[in-house]
């Protein structure tokens, strides 16, 4: 693999037939093996996009006349290629690796490193991911969050926090709590409830543990979304979703768009998907998800992120 050009929108790579085949096969494998709910988080693109990209590579392979060829990719396609290669390299059990993928593991790792260092790393400063990273740094500094303060086991009282995410008429309660024998994870339980006054649980997250720094990333993502809307800038397609300790999704959150309605007032259009039990009586139904796509006001978002920040301050204090 060789990088030819690198622009803000696209990159041109020179690839061998074997490398193209490995990328195509990796995309096909993840399409076969991953469920639709977790696909976009783990592979970075949707299943439909992955199939389209695999077909694009297949057509190039069939038409290729020389040992190497130059191909243009969007950065979303590059993210998808990287995500699929990561999954087949380390995420999916595959004893007959070379037969399935067409390249040895060491060569797949080399492809991954090339995409990460020579392509994605060099355009990160132009992406939403970098804006979120920078905003998170600001939040950590402003709140004084210092992981050096964390000790195991915790000797002080358990830290508990509640944050409410209101999306139109739907209300989600994020219940957060410190865990005595871990310093980098937070307990988390997300519930859809009827209202603030009537906290009957309609659905609840099936996962109960998440790395604590993802909470500050969540705050940063929503703050960046508001900033982009205020500055009348286009919001890049991006899905915020993180795994808990056993590598399962807990939720997806996507800022789709937004608008300003008055000075310092406005809303974001959010898509929120919760991996949840949906049996409101016994809460023991199989893994599933609920989804809402609607508006959340800046005021409600500020209350939500403010509550998470308050929890983080207490979490890092003891």
Protein backbone atom coordinates (compact mmCIF):
# COMPACT_ATOMS: atom_id res chain seq x y z
CA UNK A 1 0.00 0.00 0.00
CA UNK A 2 1.17 3.47 -0.86
CA UNK A 3 -0.41 6.88 -0.28
CA UNK A 4 -0.56 9.02 -3.42
CA UNK A 5 -2.57 12.11 -2.40
CA UNK A 6 -4.31 13.34 0.71
CA UNK A 7 -6.93 16.09 0.55
CA UNK A 8 -9.59 17.28 2.96
CA UNK A 9 -12.27 15.22 1.21
CA UNK A 10 -10.49 12.16 -0.19
CA UNK A 11 -7.30 10.15 -0.36
CA UNK A 12 -5.82 8.21 -3.26
CA UNK A 13 -4.07 4.95 -2.38
CA UNK A 14 -2.02 2.55 -4.47
CA UNK A 15 -3.02 -1.00 -3.57
CA UNK A 16 -2.04 -4.48 -4.64
CA UNK A 17 -4.59 -7.10 -5.69
CA UNK A 18 -3.97 -9.04 -2.46
CA UNK A 19 -4.60 -5.96 -0.34
CA UNK A 20 -7.83 -5.20 -2.21
CA UNK A 21 -9.00 -8.79 -1.78
CA UNK A 22 -8.23 -8.71 1.95
CA UNK A 23 -10.20 -5.48 2.40
CA UNK A 24 -13.16 -6.82 0.44
CA UNK A 25 -13.15 -10.09 2.40
CA UNK A 26 -12.91 -8.26 5.72
CA UNK A 27 -15.99 -6.20 4.85
CA UNK A 28 -17.90 -9.33 3.82
CA UNK A 29 -16.92 -11.17 7.02
CA UNK A 30 -18.12 -8.42 9.34
CA UNK A 31 -21.39 -8.17 7.39
CA UNK A 32 -21.94 -11.89 7.98
CA UNK A 33 -20.91 -11.95 11.63
CA UNK A 34 -22.04 -8.72 13.31
CA UNK A 35 -25.60 -7.86 14.28
CA UNK A 36 -27.17 -4.74 12.81
CA UNK A 37 -27.36 -2.98 16.19
CA UNK A 38 -23.62 -3.08 16.91
CA UNK A 39 -22.41 -2.90 13.30
CA UNK A 40 -22.06 0.84 12.84
CA UNK A 41 -20.28 1.32 16.14
CA UNK A 42 -17.72 -1.41 15.60
CA UNK A 43 -17.11 -0.90 11.87
CA UNK A 44 -17.64 2.91 11.75
CA UNK A 45 -20.01 2.76 8.76
CA UNK A 46 -23.43 1.21 8.25
CA UNK A 47 -23.96 -2.32 6.98
CA UNK A 48 -25.40 -0.94 3.72
CA UNK A 49 -22.31 1.23 3.22
CA UNK A 50 -20.04 -1.74 3.95
CA UNK A 51 -21.77 -3.86 1.31
CA UNK A 52 -21.51 -1.02 -1.22
CA UNK A 53 -17.80 -0.61 -0.45
CA UNK A 54 -17.19 -4.36 -0.79
CA UNK A 55 -18.92 -4.27 -4.19
CA UNK A 56 -16.80 -1.28 -5.24
CA UNK A 57 -13.63 -3.22 -4.37
CA UNK A 58 -14.91 -6.36 -6.10
CA UNK A 59 -15.51 -4.45 -9.34
CA UNK A 60 -12.03 -2.90 -9.18
CA UNK A 61 -10.47 -6.33 -8.60
CA UNK A 62 -12.32 -7.81 -11.58
CA UNK A 63 -11.25 -4.95 -13.86
CA UNK A 64 -7.67 -4.65 -12.62
CA UNK A 65 -5.07 -5.04 -15.36
CA UNK A 66 -1.86 -4.53 -13.36
CA UNK A 67 -0.40 -5.72 -10.07
CA UNK A 68 -1.12 -2.38 -8.37
CA UNK A 69 -3.83 0.20 -8.93
CA UNK A 70 -4.68 3.68 -7.69
CA UNK A 71 -8.05 4.10 -5.97
CA UNK A 72 -9.82 7.11 -4.47
CA UNK A 73 -11.53 6.69 -1.10
CA UNK A 74 -13.58 9.04 1.02
CA UNK A 75 -12.51 9.21 4.65
CA UNK A 76 -15.76 7.55 5.69
CA UNK A 77 -14.77 4.61 3.47
CA UNK A 78 -11.30 4.60 5.07
CA UNK A 79 -12.88 4.50 8.53
CA UNK A 80 -15.01 1.57 7.38
CA UNK A 81 -12.01 -0.28 5.98
CA UNK A 82 -10.11 0.25 9.20
CA UNK A 83 -13.07 -0.85 11.33
CA UNK A 84 -13.60 -4.05 9.36
CA UNK A 85 -9.88 -4.92 9.45
CA UNK A 86 -9.77 -4.31 13.21
CA UNK A 87 -12.69 -6.68 13.69
CA UNK A 88 -11.26 -9.53 11.64
CA UNK A 89 -7.78 -9.03 13.11
CA UNK A 90 -8.72 -8.99 16.77
CA UNK A 91 -12.46 -8.90 17.35
CA UNK A 92 -13.81 -11.95 15.56
CA UNK A 93 -12.66 -15.50 16.24
CA UNK A 94 -11.36 -16.84 12.94
CA UNK A 95 -9.11 -19.96 13.06
CA UNK A 96 -8.81 -20.18 9.23
CA UNK A 97 -7.76 -16.53 8.95
CA UNK A 98 -5.64 -16.65 5.78
CA UNK A 99 -8.21 -18.73 3.92
CA UNK A 100 -11.04 -16.34 4.84
CA UNK A 101 -9.23 -13.01 4.43
CA UNK A 102 -6.52 -13.75 1.87
CA UNK A 103 -3.60 -12.24 3.82
CA UNK A 104 -1.56 -13.25 6.85
CA UNK A 105 -2.35 -11.52 10.15
CA UNK A 106 0.97 -9.65 10.10
CA UNK A 107 0.14 -8.11 6.71
CA UNK A 108 -3.35 -7.14 7.86
CA UNK A 109 -1.78 -5.45 10.88
CA UNK A 110 0.56 -3.57 8.54
CA UNK A 111 -2.47 -2.38 6.54
CA UNK A 112 -4.13 -1.18 9.74
CA UNK A 113 -1.04 0.70 10.86
CA UNK A 114 -0.72 2.36 7.46
CA UNK A 115 -4.35 3.52 7.46
CA UNK A 116 -4.05 4.80 11.02
CA UNK A 117 -0.69 6.59 10.79
CA UNK A 118 -0.44 7.68 7.16
CA UNK A 119 -4.07 8.54 6.45
CA UNK A 120 -6.42 8.96 9.40
CA UNK A 121 -3.92 10.44 11.84
CA UNK A 122 -2.98 13.12 9.32
CA UNK A 123 -6.53 14.29 8.71
CA UNK A 124 -7.86 14.01 12.29
CA UNK A 125 -7.49 17.73 12.88
CA UNK A 126 -10.11 18.32 10.19
CA UNK A 127 -12.67 15.94 11.68
CA UNK A 128 -15.43 16.00 14.26
CA UNK A 129 -13.49 13.42 16.26
CA UNK A 130 -10.71 15.93 16.82
CA UNK A 131 -13.16 18.67 17.84
CA UNK A 132 -14.63 16.29 20.43
CA UNK A 133 -11.15 15.38 21.67
CA UNK A 134 -10.20 19.05 22.03
CA UNK A 135 -13.48 19.89 23.78
CA UNK A 136 -13.00 16.98 26.18
CA UNK A 137 -9.55 18.31 27.08
CA UNK A 138 -11.13 21.68 27.90
CA UNK A 139 -13.80 20.03 30.05
CA UNK A 140 -11.27 17.90 31.95
CA UNK A 141 -9.13 20.98 32.63
CA UNK A 142 -12.08 23.17 33.61
CA UNK A 143 -13.49 20.57 36.01
CA UNK A 144 -10.07 19.64 37.39
CA UNK A 145 -10.47 15.92 36.67
CA UNK A 146 -7.25 14.16 37.63
CA UNK A 147 -7.04 10.37 37.37
CA UNK A 148 -4.07 10.43 39.77
CA UNK A 149 -6.60 11.14 42.54
CA UNK A 150 -8.34 7.81 41.98
CA UNK A 151 -7.46 4.97 44.33
CA UNK A 152 -8.61 1.37 44.65
CA UNK A 153 -10.40 0.40 46.77
CA UNK A 154 -12.37 3.57 47.35
CA UNK A 155 -12.54 4.43 51.04
CA UNK A 156 -15.14 7.21 50.91
CA UNK A 157 -18.88 7.02 50.42
CA UNK A 158 -20.24 5.89 47.06
CA UNK A 159 -20.71 8.71 44.55
CA UNK A 160 -24.14 8.69 42.91
CA UNK A 161 -25.40 10.99 40.17
CA UNK A 162 -28.55 11.34 38.06
CA UNK A 163 -28.79 13.06 34.68
CA UNK A 164 -31.99 13.40 32.64
CA UNK A 165 -31.91 13.41 28.83
CA UNK A 166 -35.15 14.85 27.47
CA UNK A 167 -35.83 14.25 23.77
CA UNK A 168 -39.22 15.71 22.84
CA UNK A 169 -41.69 13.90 25.12
CA UNK A 170 -39.37 10.97 25.92
CA UNK A 171 -37.28 11.05 29.10
CA UNK A 172 -34.16 9.00 29.81
CA UNK A 173 -32.57 8.83 33.24
CA UNK A 174 -28.83 8.16 33.41
CA UNK A 175 -28.11 6.83 36.91
CA UNK A 176 -24.36 6.90 37.57
CA UNK A 177 -22.48 5.47 40.54
CA UNK A 178 -18.90 4.81 41.59
CA UNK A 179 -17.64 1.26 42.08
CA UNK A 180 -15.53 0.46 45.12
CA UNK A 181 -12.97 -1.83 43.50
CA UNK A 182 -12.30 -0.10 40.20
CA UNK A 183 -10.97 3.37 39.46
CA UNK A 184 -11.44 3.67 35.69
CA UNK A 185 -15.02 2.40 35.39
CA UNK A 186 -18.33 3.89 36.44
CA UNK A 187 -21.55 2.08 37.08
CA UNK A 188 -24.28 3.22 34.70
CA UNK A 189 -27.95 2.40 34.37
CA UNK A 190 -30.02 4.14 31.71
CA UNK A 191 -33.79 4.01 32.05
CA UNK A 192 -36.64 5.38 30.02
CA UNK A 193 -39.14 6.71 32.54
CA UNK A 194 -42.63 8.19 32.25
CA UNK A 195 -41.76 11.62 33.70
CA UNK A 196 -39.86 13.37 36.48
CA UNK A 197 -42.91 13.03 38.71
CA UNK A 198 -43.75 9.46 37.68
CA UNK A 199 -40.51 7.50 37.47
CA UNK A 200 -42.08 4.25 36.34
CA UNK A 201 -39.42 2.41 34.32
CA UNK A 202 -40.48 1.66 30.74
CA UNK A 203 -37.13 0.21 29.66
CA UNK A 204 -33.64 -0.03 31.12
CA UNK A 205 -30.13 -0.60 29.81
CA UNK A 206 -28.91 -4.16 30.02
CA UNK A 207 -25.30 -3.06 30.62
CA UNK A 208 -24.14 -1.73 33.92
CA UNK A 209 -20.51 -0.60 33.59
CA UNK A 210 -18.61 1.84 31.36
CA UNK A 211 -15.20 3.50 31.27
CA UNK A 212 -15.64 6.78 33.09
CA UNK A 213 -13.81 8.96 30.55
CA UNK A 214 -16.54 8.20 28.00
CA UNK A 215 -18.89 10.33 30.11
CA UNK A 216 -16.73 13.42 29.53
CA UNK A 217 -16.61 12.49 25.83
CA UNK A 218 -20.41 12.37 25.78
CA UNK A 219 -20.56 15.88 27.27
CA UNK A 220 -17.96 17.06 24.75
CA UNK A 221 -19.91 15.63 21.79
CA UNK A 222 -23.10 17.47 22.75
CA UNK A 223 -21.18 20.70 23.41
CA UNK A 224 -19.46 20.47 20.02
CA UNK A 225 -22.85 19.87 18.38
CA UNK A 226 -24.21 23.05 19.96
CA UNK A 227 -21.10 25.01 18.93
CA UNK A 228 -21.45 23.90 15.31
CA UNK A 229 -25.11 24.92 15.24
CA UNK A 230 -24.34 28.31 16.81
CA UNK A 231 -21.63 28.91 14.20
CA UNK A 232 -23.92 27.74 11.39
CA UNK A 233 -21.48 24.98 10.45
CA UNK A 234 -22.40 21.64 8.95
CA UNK A 235 -22.52 18.72 11.37
CA UNK A 236 -20.41 15.81 10.18
CA UNK A 237 -22.05 12.38 10.20
CA UNK A 238 -20.88 10.79 13.42
CA UNK A 239 -22.32 8.22 15.85
CA UNK A 240 -21.27 8.43 19.49
CA UNK A 241 -21.42 4.96 20.97
CA UNK A 242 -19.20 3.24 23.44
CA UNK A 243 -18.83 -0.28 24.76
CA UNK A 244 -18.98 -1.28 28.37
CA UNK A 245 -16.38 -3.58 29.89
CA UNK A 246 -17.56 -6.72 28.08
CA UNK A 247 -17.50 -5.04 24.63
CA UNK A 248 -21.21 -4.54 24.11
CA UNK A 249 -23.03 -1.38 23.14
CA UNK A 250 -24.93 0.51 25.77
CA UNK A 251 -26.33 3.30 23.59
CA UNK A 252 -25.95 5.22 20.33
CA UNK A 253 -26.26 8.99 20.21
CA UNK A 254 -26.13 11.03 17.03
CA UNK A 255 -26.51 14.78 16.54
CA UNK A 256 -28.34 15.04 13.21
CA UNK A 257 -28.91 18.79 12.93
CA UNK A 258 -29.94 21.84 14.93
CA UNK A 259 -31.11 25.43 14.84
CA UNK A 260 -30.91 28.68 16.78
CA UNK A 261 -34.29 30.05 17.90
CA UNK A 262 -33.10 33.09 19.89
CA UNK A 263 -29.92 34.42 21.45
CA UNK A 264 -28.21 31.50 23.23
CA UNK A 265 -31.31 29.37 22.65
CA UNK A 266 -31.89 26.59 20.20
CA UNK A 267 -32.20 22.85 19.81
CA UNK A 268 -30.41 19.80 18.48
CA UNK A 269 -32.12 17.03 16.58
CA UNK A 270 -30.86 13.83 18.22
CA UNK A 271 -31.11 10.16 17.39
CA UNK A 272 -30.83 8.06 20.55
CA UNK A 273 -30.80 4.26 20.59
CA UNK A 274 -30.73 2.38 23.87
CA UNK A 275 -29.68 -1.25 24.15
CA UNK A 276 -32.36 -2.16 26.64
CA UNK A 277 -34.74 -4.58 28.25
CA UNK A 278 -38.23 -3.60 27.20
CA UNK A 279 -40.43 -5.67 29.52
CA UNK A 280 -41.45 -2.98 31.99
CA UNK A 281 -42.73 -5.50 34.55
CA UNK A 282 -39.89 -8.00 34.84
CA UNK A 283 -37.20 -6.24 32.78
CA UNK A 284 -35.73 -9.55 31.65
CA UNK A 285 -36.41 -9.48 27.91
CA UNK A 286 -33.64 -10.40 25.43
CA UNK A 287 -31.08 -7.88 24.22
CA UNK A 288 -32.84 -5.32 22.08
CA UNK A 289 -32.96 -1.59 21.54
CA UNK A 290 -35.40 1.28 21.55
CA UNK A 291 -34.95 4.34 19.38
CA UNK A 292 -36.09 7.94 19.42
CA UNK A 293 -35.31 10.67 16.88
CA UNK A 294 -36.50 14.12 17.85
CA UNK A 295 -35.57 17.54 19.26
CA UNK A 296 -33.78 18.42 22.48
CA UNK A 297 -33.52 22.05 23.58
CA UNK A 298 -30.18 23.62 24.50
CA UNK A 299 -31.62 24.20 27.98
CA UNK A 300 -32.41 20.51 28.49
CA UNK A 301 -29.04 19.47 27.04
CA UNK A 302 -27.27 21.86 29.44
CA UNK A 303 -29.12 20.35 32.41
CA UNK A 304 -28.11 16.86 31.25
CA UNK A 305 -24.43 17.65 30.65
CA UNK A 306 -24.27 19.75 33.83
CA UNK A 307 -25.46 16.81 35.92
CA UNK A 308 -22.86 14.51 34.34
CA UNK A 309 -20.12 17.07 35.01
CA UNK A 310 -21.20 17.37 38.63
CA UNK A 311 -20.98 13.58 38.97
CA UNK A 312 -17.52 13.53 37.37
CA UNK A 313 -16.21 16.17 39.79
CA UNK A 314 -17.35 14.04 42.74
CA UNK A 315 -16.13 10.82 41.11
CA UNK A 316 -12.59 12.13 40.65
CA UNK A 317 -12.48 13.76 44.08
CA UNK A 318 -12.48 10.54 46.13
